[in-house]
């Protein structure tokens, strides 16, 4: 079956002036999940290879309110900074990915379990009968094709994101680490992402000594 593309009536583009300069804002309604997503484009990426790309999952608490439990807001800013330094790139902001796809209400419920019972980000989701990760990266693949991107250097610490994007036919030339500082607030969350979800987070070992924590392999 031929994959459905983005209808021209479901996409709009305009310049977006930000503190980091001007991006091309490409808003689109995905034909499969029905969500309205946004790609921020810097420079000329059409018919180019090895384009610097970030697929960023929506996180209201981190991206908007600056929550320190996760590193989402820091990664969003770092990815945009990297694209500006590069002079060209794409950040795809994916709606409907809140809490790795379980939604905002459920995510806040998992926070209660993490705070009151010491569960990690994985066990707090399964404890309320929800899957750990149901995100779909098809919308990112479709907008990258629409933009004419030939291959990407994907900013992510999660090897699963590489495999997910490749499953949609996008060539991933490299994975670029997007590491953020470790703090008392996020060390348990980051440790669970490394030990339970397979994220590549080499900064954790050094940070554990500085923060005076137990070895991160023992933190849950």
C-alpha atoms as a PDB file:
ATOM      1  CA  UNK A   1       0.000   0.000   0.000  1.00  0.00           C
ATOM      2  CA  UNK A   2       1.301   3.443  -0.922  1.00  0.00           C
ATOM      3  CA  UNK A   3       1.855   5.598   2.154  1.00  0.00           C
ATOM      4  CA  UNK A   4      -0.459   8.555   2.477  1.00  0.00           C
ATOM      5  CA  UNK A   5       1.212  11.939   2.100  1.00  0.00           C
ATOM      6  CA  UNK A   6       0.269  15.297   3.627  1.00  0.00           C
ATOM      7  CA  UNK A   7      -2.521  17.032   1.740  1.00  0.00           C
ATOM      8  CA  UNK A   8      -1.685  20.558   0.607  1.00  0.00           C
ATOM      9  CA  UNK A   9      -4.833  21.807   2.366  1.00  0.00           C
ATOM     10  CA  UNK A  10      -3.482  20.481   5.662  1.00  0.00           C
ATOM     11  CA  UNK A  11      -0.231  22.428   5.647  1.00  0.00           C
ATOM     12  CA  UNK A  12       0.662  26.099   6.124  1.00  0.00           C
ATOM     13  CA  UNK A  13       4.012  27.894   6.189  1.00  0.00           C
ATOM     14  CA  UNK A  14       5.147  31.277   7.467  1.00  0.00           C
ATOM     15  CA  UNK A  15       8.234  32.946   8.910  1.00  0.00           C
ATOM     16  CA  UNK A  16       8.493  32.743  12.685  1.00  0.00           C
ATOM     17  CA  UNK A  17      10.671  35.292  14.450  1.00  0.00           C
ATOM     18  CA  UNK A  18      12.133  33.965  17.696  1.00  0.00           C
ATOM     19  CA  UNK A  19      14.833  34.869  20.202  1.00  0.00           C
ATOM     20  CA  UNK A  20      17.126  32.633  18.157  1.00  0.00           C
ATOM     21  CA  UNK A  21      16.308  34.322  14.871  1.00  0.00           C
ATOM     22  CA  UNK A  22      13.952  33.512  12.032  1.00  0.00           C
ATOM     23  CA  UNK A  23      12.698  30.001  11.298  1.00  0.00           C
ATOM     24  CA  UNK A  24      10.235  28.795   8.699  1.00  0.00           C
ATOM     25  CA  UNK A  25       7.250  27.450  10.629  1.00  0.00           C
ATOM     26  CA  UNK A  26       5.593  24.565   8.800  1.00  0.00           C
ATOM     27  CA  UNK A  27       2.342  23.593  10.513  1.00  0.00           C
ATOM     28  CA  UNK A  28       0.685  20.427   9.248  1.00  0.00           C
ATOM     29  CA  UNK A  29      -2.169  18.079  10.067  1.00  0.00           C
ATOM     30  CA  UNK A  30      -0.966  14.515   9.806  1.00  0.00           C
ATOM     31  CA  UNK A  31      -3.207  12.306   7.653  1.00  0.00           C
ATOM     32  CA  UNK A  32      -2.750   9.290   9.928  1.00  0.00           C
ATOM     33  CA  UNK A  33      -2.876  10.465  13.542  1.00  0.00           C
ATOM     34  CA  UNK A  34      -4.942  13.606  12.887  1.00  0.00           C
ATOM     35  CA  UNK A  35      -2.799  15.795  15.144  1.00  0.00           C
ATOM     36  CA  UNK A  36      -1.501  19.211  14.118  1.00  0.00           C
ATOM     37  CA  UNK A  37       2.280  19.193  14.364  1.00  0.00           C
ATOM     38  CA  UNK A  38       4.945  21.821  13.673  1.00  0.00           C
ATOM     39  CA  UNK A  39       8.300  21.722  11.899  1.00  0.00           C
ATOM     40  CA  UNK A  40      10.704  24.594  12.490  1.00  0.00           C
ATOM     41  CA  UNK A  41      13.063  24.857   9.537  1.00  0.00           C
ATOM     42  CA  UNK A  42      16.282  26.837   9.401  1.00  0.00           C
ATOM     43  CA  UNK A  43      18.119  27.407   6.136  1.00  0.00           C
ATOM     44  CA  UNK A  44      17.855  25.394   2.955  1.00  0.00           C
ATOM     45  CA  UNK A  45      17.166  21.721   3.643  1.00  0.00           C
ATOM     46  CA  UNK A  46      15.424  20.696   0.412  1.00  0.00           C
ATOM     47  CA  UNK A  47      17.191  17.966  -1.556  1.00  0.00           C
ATOM     48  CA  UNK A  48      19.984  17.936   1.020  1.00  0.00           C
ATOM     49  CA  UNK A  49      21.523  15.022   2.871  1.00  0.00           C
ATOM     50  CA  UNK A  50      22.793  14.723   6.441  1.00  0.00           C
ATOM     51  CA  UNK A  51      20.414  17.433   7.641  1.00  0.00           C
ATOM     52  CA  UNK A  52      20.505  18.066  11.387  1.00  0.00           C
ATOM     53  CA  UNK A  53      17.097  16.990  12.720  1.00  0.00           C
ATOM     54  CA  UNK A  54      15.400  16.741  16.089  1.00  0.00           C
ATOM     55  CA  UNK A  55      12.120  14.851  16.572  1.00  0.00           C
ATOM     56  CA  UNK A  56      10.839  16.415  19.787  1.00  0.00           C
ATOM     57  CA  UNK A  57       7.929  14.886  21.656  1.00  0.00           C
ATOM     58  CA  UNK A  58       5.484  17.327  23.192  1.00  0.00           C
ATOM     59  CA  UNK A  59       6.073  17.859  26.930  1.00  0.00           C
ATOM     60  CA  UNK A  60       3.965  20.642  28.400  1.00  0.00           C
ATOM     61  CA  UNK A  61       5.530  20.466  31.851  1.00  0.00           C
ATOM     62  CA  UNK A  62       9.102  20.596  30.580  1.00  0.00           C
ATOM     63  CA  UNK A  63       8.830  22.621  27.372  1.00  0.00           C
ATOM     64  CA  UNK A  64       6.473  25.343  28.617  1.00  0.00           C
ATOM     65  CA  UNK A  65       6.713  25.419  32.402  1.00  0.00           C
ATOM     66  CA  UNK A  66      10.375  24.470  32.756  1.00  0.00           C
ATOM     67  CA  UNK A  67       9.870  21.410  34.958  1.00  0.00           C
ATOM     68  CA  UNK A  68      13.172  19.997  36.193  1.00  0.00           C
ATOM     69  CA  UNK A  69      11.990  16.404  36.658  1.00  0.00           C
ATOM     70  CA  UNK A  70      12.750  15.697  32.988  1.00  0.00           C
ATOM     71  CA  UNK A  71      15.252  17.104  30.494  1.00  0.00           C
ATOM     72  CA  UNK A  72      12.721  17.841  27.750  1.00  0.00           C
ATOM     73  CA  UNK A  73      12.807  21.630  27.926  1.00  0.00           C
ATOM     74  CA  UNK A  74      16.604  21.675  28.022  1.00  0.00           C
ATOM     75  CA  UNK A  75      16.780  19.345  25.027  1.00  0.00           C
ATOM     76  CA  UNK A  76      14.335  21.496  23.072  1.00  0.00           C
ATOM     77  CA  UNK A  77      16.473  24.582  23.598  1.00  0.00           C
ATOM     78  CA  UNK A  78      19.737  22.738  22.941  1.00  0.00           C
ATOM     79  CA  UNK A  79      18.401  21.298  19.675  1.00  0.00           C
ATOM     80  CA  UNK A  80      17.302  24.703  18.418  1.00  0.00           C
ATOM     81  CA  UNK A  81      20.682  26.171  19.391  1.00  0.00           C
ATOM     82  CA  UNK A  82      22.465  23.396  17.479  1.00  0.00           C
ATOM     83  CA  UNK A  83      20.359  24.034  14.373  1.00  0.00           C
ATOM     84  CA  UNK A  84      21.142  27.755  14.549  1.00  0.00           C
ATOM     85  CA  UNK A  85      24.878  27.049  14.863  1.00  0.00           C
ATOM     86  CA  UNK A  86      24.691  24.655  11.926  1.00  0.00           C
ATOM     87  CA  UNK A  87      22.889  27.218   9.805  1.00  0.00           C
ATOM     88  CA  UNK A  88      20.362  24.648   8.603  1.00  0.00           C
ATOM     89  CA  UNK A  89      18.183  21.966  10.138  1.00  0.00           C
ATOM     90  CA  UNK A  90      14.712  20.891  11.169  1.00  0.00           C
ATOM     91  CA  UNK A  91      13.009  20.498  14.514  1.00  0.00           C
ATOM     92  CA  UNK A  92       9.771  18.527  14.294  1.00  0.00           C
ATOM     93  CA  UNK A  93       7.543  19.201  17.300  1.00  0.00           C
ATOM     94  CA  UNK A  94       5.240  16.202  17.679  1.00  0.00           C
ATOM     95  CA  UNK A  95       1.868  16.696  19.334  1.00  0.00           C
ATOM     96  CA  UNK A  96       0.053  13.836  21.036  1.00  0.00           C
ATOM     97  CA  UNK A  97       3.314  12.511  22.483  1.00  0.00           C
ATOM     98  CA  UNK A  98       2.748  13.792  26.022  1.00  0.00           C
ATOM     99  CA  UNK A  99       4.061  11.303  28.570  1.00  0.00           C
ATOM    100  CA  UNK A 100       5.445   9.089  25.769  1.00  0.00           C
ATOM    101  CA  UNK A 101       1.943   9.004  24.335  1.00  0.00           C
ATOM    102  CA  UNK A 102      -0.206   8.294  27.408  1.00  0.00           C
ATOM    103  CA  UNK A 103      -1.497  11.870  27.684  1.00  0.00           C
ATOM    104  CA  UNK A 104      -1.217  14.730  30.149  1.00  0.00           C
ATOM    105  CA  UNK A 105      -3.666  13.522  32.819  1.00  0.00           C
ATOM    106  CA  UNK A 106      -2.065  10.081  32.954  1.00  0.00           C
ATOM    107  CA  UNK A 107       1.417  11.600  33.021  1.00  0.00           C
ATOM    108  CA  UNK A 108       0.602  13.698  36.064  1.00  0.00           C
ATOM    109  CA  UNK A 109      -0.821  10.594  37.747  1.00  0.00           C
ATOM    110  CA  UNK A 110       2.501   8.831  37.176  1.00  0.00           C
ATOM    111  CA  UNK A 111       4.241  11.764  38.865  1.00  0.00           C
ATOM    112  CA  UNK A 112       2.191  11.094  42.009  1.00  0.00           C
ATOM    113  CA  UNK A 113       3.375   7.477  42.061  1.00  0.00           C
ATOM    114  CA  UNK A 114       6.957   8.571  41.485  1.00  0.00           C
ATOM    115  CA  UNK A 115       6.816  11.063  44.356  1.00  0.00           C
ATOM    116  CA  UNK A 116       4.787   9.034  46.862  1.00  0.00           C
ATOM    117  CA  UNK A 117       5.919   5.472  46.141  1.00  0.00           C
ATOM    118  CA  UNK A 118       9.356   5.951  44.579  1.00  0.00           C
ATOM    119  CA  UNK A 119       8.407   4.277  41.300  1.00  0.00           C
ATOM    120  CA  UNK A 120      10.434   5.173  38.229  1.00  0.00           C
ATOM    121  CA  UNK A 121       9.064   6.553  34.963  1.00  0.00           C
ATOM    122  CA  UNK A 122       8.532   3.033  33.583  1.00  0.00           C
ATOM    123  CA  UNK A 123       6.897   1.331  36.565  1.00  0.00           C
ATOM    124  CA  UNK A 124       4.680   4.331  37.335  1.00  0.00           C
ATOM    125  CA  UNK A 125       3.065   3.976  33.891  1.00  0.00           C
ATOM    126  CA  UNK A 126       2.557   0.222  34.052  1.00  0.00           C
ATOM    127  CA  UNK A 127       1.225   0.508  37.623  1.00  0.00           C
ATOM    128  CA  UNK A 128      -1.832   2.354  36.290  1.00  0.00           C
ATOM    129  CA  UNK A 129      -2.266  -0.099  33.444  1.00  0.00           C
ATOM    130  CA  UNK A 130      -0.718   1.985  30.666  1.00  0.00           C
ATOM    131  CA  UNK A 131       2.013   1.174  28.121  1.00  0.00           C
ATOM    132  CA  UNK A 132       5.485   2.617  28.583  1.00  0.00           C
ATOM    133  CA  UNK A 133       5.794   4.171  25.120  1.00  0.00           C
ATOM    134  CA  UNK A 134       3.193   4.396  22.348  1.00  0.00           C
ATOM    135  CA  UNK A 135       4.698   7.241  20.321  1.00  0.00           C
ATOM    136  CA  UNK A 136       4.621   7.063  16.530  1.00  0.00           C
ATOM    137  CA  UNK A 137       7.193   8.917  14.448  1.00  0.00           C
ATOM    138  CA  UNK A 138       5.372   8.566  11.139  1.00  0.00           C
ATOM    139  CA  UNK A 139       4.369  12.259  11.130  1.00  0.00           C
ATOM    140  CA  UNK A 140       8.043  13.272  11.374  1.00  0.00           C
ATOM    141  CA  UNK A 141       8.950  11.033   8.451  1.00  0.00           C
ATOM    142  CA  UNK A 142       6.119  12.447   6.344  1.00  0.00           C
ATOM    143  CA  UNK A 143       7.037  16.088   6.951  1.00  0.00           C
ATOM    144  CA  UNK A 144      10.735  15.390   6.283  1.00  0.00           C
ATOM    145  CA  UNK A 145       9.777  13.890   2.934  1.00  0.00           C
ATOM    146  CA  UNK A 146       7.555  16.890   2.221  1.00  0.00           C
ATOM    147  CA  UNK A 147      10.529  19.173   2.921  1.00  0.00           C
ATOM    148  CA  UNK A 148      12.725  17.167   0.560  1.00  0.00           C
ATOM    149  CA  UNK A 149      15.221  16.022   3.193  1.00  0.00           C
ATOM    150  CA  UNK A 150      17.295  13.134   1.794  1.00  0.00           C
ATOM    151  CA  UNK A 151      18.964  11.923   4.978  1.00  0.00           C
ATOM    152  CA  UNK A 152      19.294  13.105   8.557  1.00  0.00           C
ATOM    153  CA  UNK A 153      21.672  13.368  11.441  1.00  0.00           C
ATOM    154  CA  UNK A 154      19.238  12.702  14.262  1.00  0.00           C
ATOM    155  CA  UNK A 155      19.700  14.540  17.543  1.00  0.00           C
ATOM    156  CA  UNK A 156      18.719  11.940  20.121  1.00  0.00           C
ATOM    157  CA  UNK A 157      20.076   9.799  22.941  1.00  0.00           C
ATOM    158  CA  UNK A 158      17.580   7.059  22.129  1.00  0.00           C
ATOM    159  CA  UNK A 159      18.667   4.414  19.588  1.00  0.00           C
ATOM    160  CA  UNK A 160      15.021   3.326  19.269  1.00  0.00           C
ATOM    161  CA  UNK A 161      14.224   6.650  17.610  1.00  0.00           C
ATOM    162  CA  UNK A 162      16.744   5.884  14.890  1.00  0.00           C
ATOM    163  CA  UNK A 163      15.144   2.520  14.223  1.00  0.00           C
ATOM    164  CA  UNK A 164      11.655   4.028  14.296  1.00  0.00           C
ATOM    165  CA  UNK A 165      12.501   6.715  11.752  1.00  0.00           C
ATOM    166  CA  UNK A 166      14.306   4.236   9.514  1.00  0.00           C
ATOM    167  CA  UNK A 167      11.238   1.991   9.578  1.00  0.00           C
ATOM    168  CA  UNK A 168       9.448   4.783   7.699  1.00  0.00           C
ATOM    169  CA  UNK A 169      12.125   4.876   5.030  1.00  0.00           C
ATOM    170  CA  UNK A 170      14.108   7.869   6.291  1.00  0.00           C
ATOM    171  CA  UNK A 171      17.874   7.453   5.983  1.00  0.00           C
ATOM    172  CA  UNK A 172      19.596   8.203   9.309  1.00  0.00           C
ATOM    173  CA  UNK A 173      23.236   8.954   8.530  1.00  0.00           C
ATOM    174  CA  UNK A 174      24.196   9.437  12.186  1.00  0.00           C
ATOM    175  CA  UNK A 175      22.823   9.830  15.678  1.00  0.00           C
ATOM    176  CA  UNK A 176      23.992  13.019  17.390  1.00  0.00           C
ATOM    177  CA  UNK A 177      23.959  12.976  21.227  1.00  0.00           C
ATOM    178  CA  UNK A 178      21.834  15.637  22.902  1.00  0.00           C
ATOM    179  CA  UNK A 179      23.058  15.505  26.490  1.00  0.00           C
ATOM    180  CA  UNK A 180      21.906  17.876  29.205  1.00  0.00           C
ATOM    181  CA  UNK A 181      23.360  18.468  32.682  1.00  0.00           C
ATOM    182  CA  UNK A 182      22.395  16.059  35.439  1.00  0.00           C
ATOM    183  CA  UNK A 183      20.861  17.492  38.609  1.00  0.00           C
ATOM    184  CA  UNK A 184      19.367  16.260  41.865  1.00  0.00           C
ATOM    185  CA  UNK A 185      15.940  16.736  40.293  1.00  0.00           C
ATOM    186  CA  UNK A 186      16.462  14.662  37.152  1.00  0.00           C
ATOM    187  CA  UNK A 187      19.056  12.020  38.042  1.00  0.00           C
ATOM    188  CA  UNK A 188      16.507   9.325  38.900  1.00  0.00           C
ATOM    189  CA  UNK A 189      14.530  10.017  35.733  1.00  0.00           C
ATOM    190  CA  UNK A 190      17.633   9.930  33.542  1.00  0.00           C
ATOM    191  CA  UNK A 191      18.877   6.775  35.231  1.00  0.00           C
ATOM    192  CA  UNK A 192      15.605   5.008  34.484  1.00  0.00           C
ATOM    193  CA  UNK A 193      15.815   6.142  30.864  1.00  0.00           C
ATOM    194  CA  UNK A 194      19.305   4.677  30.624  1.00  0.00           C
ATOM    195  CA  UNK A 195      18.774   1.444  32.556  1.00  0.00           C
ATOM    196  CA  UNK A 196      15.154   0.679  31.631  1.00  0.00           C
ATOM    197  CA  UNK A 197      14.726   2.275  28.189  1.00  0.00           C
ATOM    198  CA  UNK A 198      18.203   1.953  26.687  1.00  0.00           C
ATOM    199  CA  UNK A 199      19.054   5.620  26.263  1.00  0.00           C
ATOM    200  CA  UNK A 200      22.737   6.490  25.811  1.00  0.00           C
ATOM    201  CA  UNK A 201      23.523   8.862  28.721  1.00  0.00           C
ATOM    202  CA  UNK A 202      27.256   8.721  29.502  1.00  0.00           C
ATOM    203  CA  UNK A 203      27.136  11.869  31.638  1.00  0.00           C
ATOM    204  CA  UNK A 204      25.362  10.001  34.444  1.00  0.00           C
ATOM    205  CA  UNK A 205      28.388   8.243  35.948  1.00  0.00           C
ATOM    206  CA  UNK A 206      30.422  11.425  36.361  1.00  0.00           C
ATOM    207  CA  UNK A 207      27.408  13.309  37.692  1.00  0.00           C
ATOM    208  CA  UNK A 208      26.701  10.721  40.388  1.00  0.00           C
ATOM    209  CA  UNK A 209      30.046  11.400  42.063  1.00  0.00           C
ATOM    210  CA  UNK A 210      29.584  15.163  41.901  1.00  0.00           C
ATOM    211  CA  UNK A 211      26.058  15.021  43.292  1.00  0.00           C
ATOM    212  CA  UNK A 212      27.097  12.628  46.024  1.00  0.00           C
ATOM    213  CA  UNK A 213      24.587  10.011  44.942  1.00  0.00           C
ATOM    214  CA  UNK A 214      24.887   6.245  45.080  1.00  0.00           C
ATOM    215  CA  UNK A 215      26.223   4.714  41.877  1.00  0.00           C
ATOM    216  CA  UNK A 216      23.581   5.349  39.250  1.00  0.00           C
ATOM    217  CA  UNK A 217      23.156   1.627  38.629  1.00  0.00           C
ATOM    218  CA  UNK A 218      21.682   1.457  42.160  1.00  0.00           C
ATOM    219  CA  UNK A 219      19.337   4.443  41.786  1.00  0.00           C
ATOM    220  CA  UNK A 220      15.703   3.574  41.108  1.00  0.00           C
END
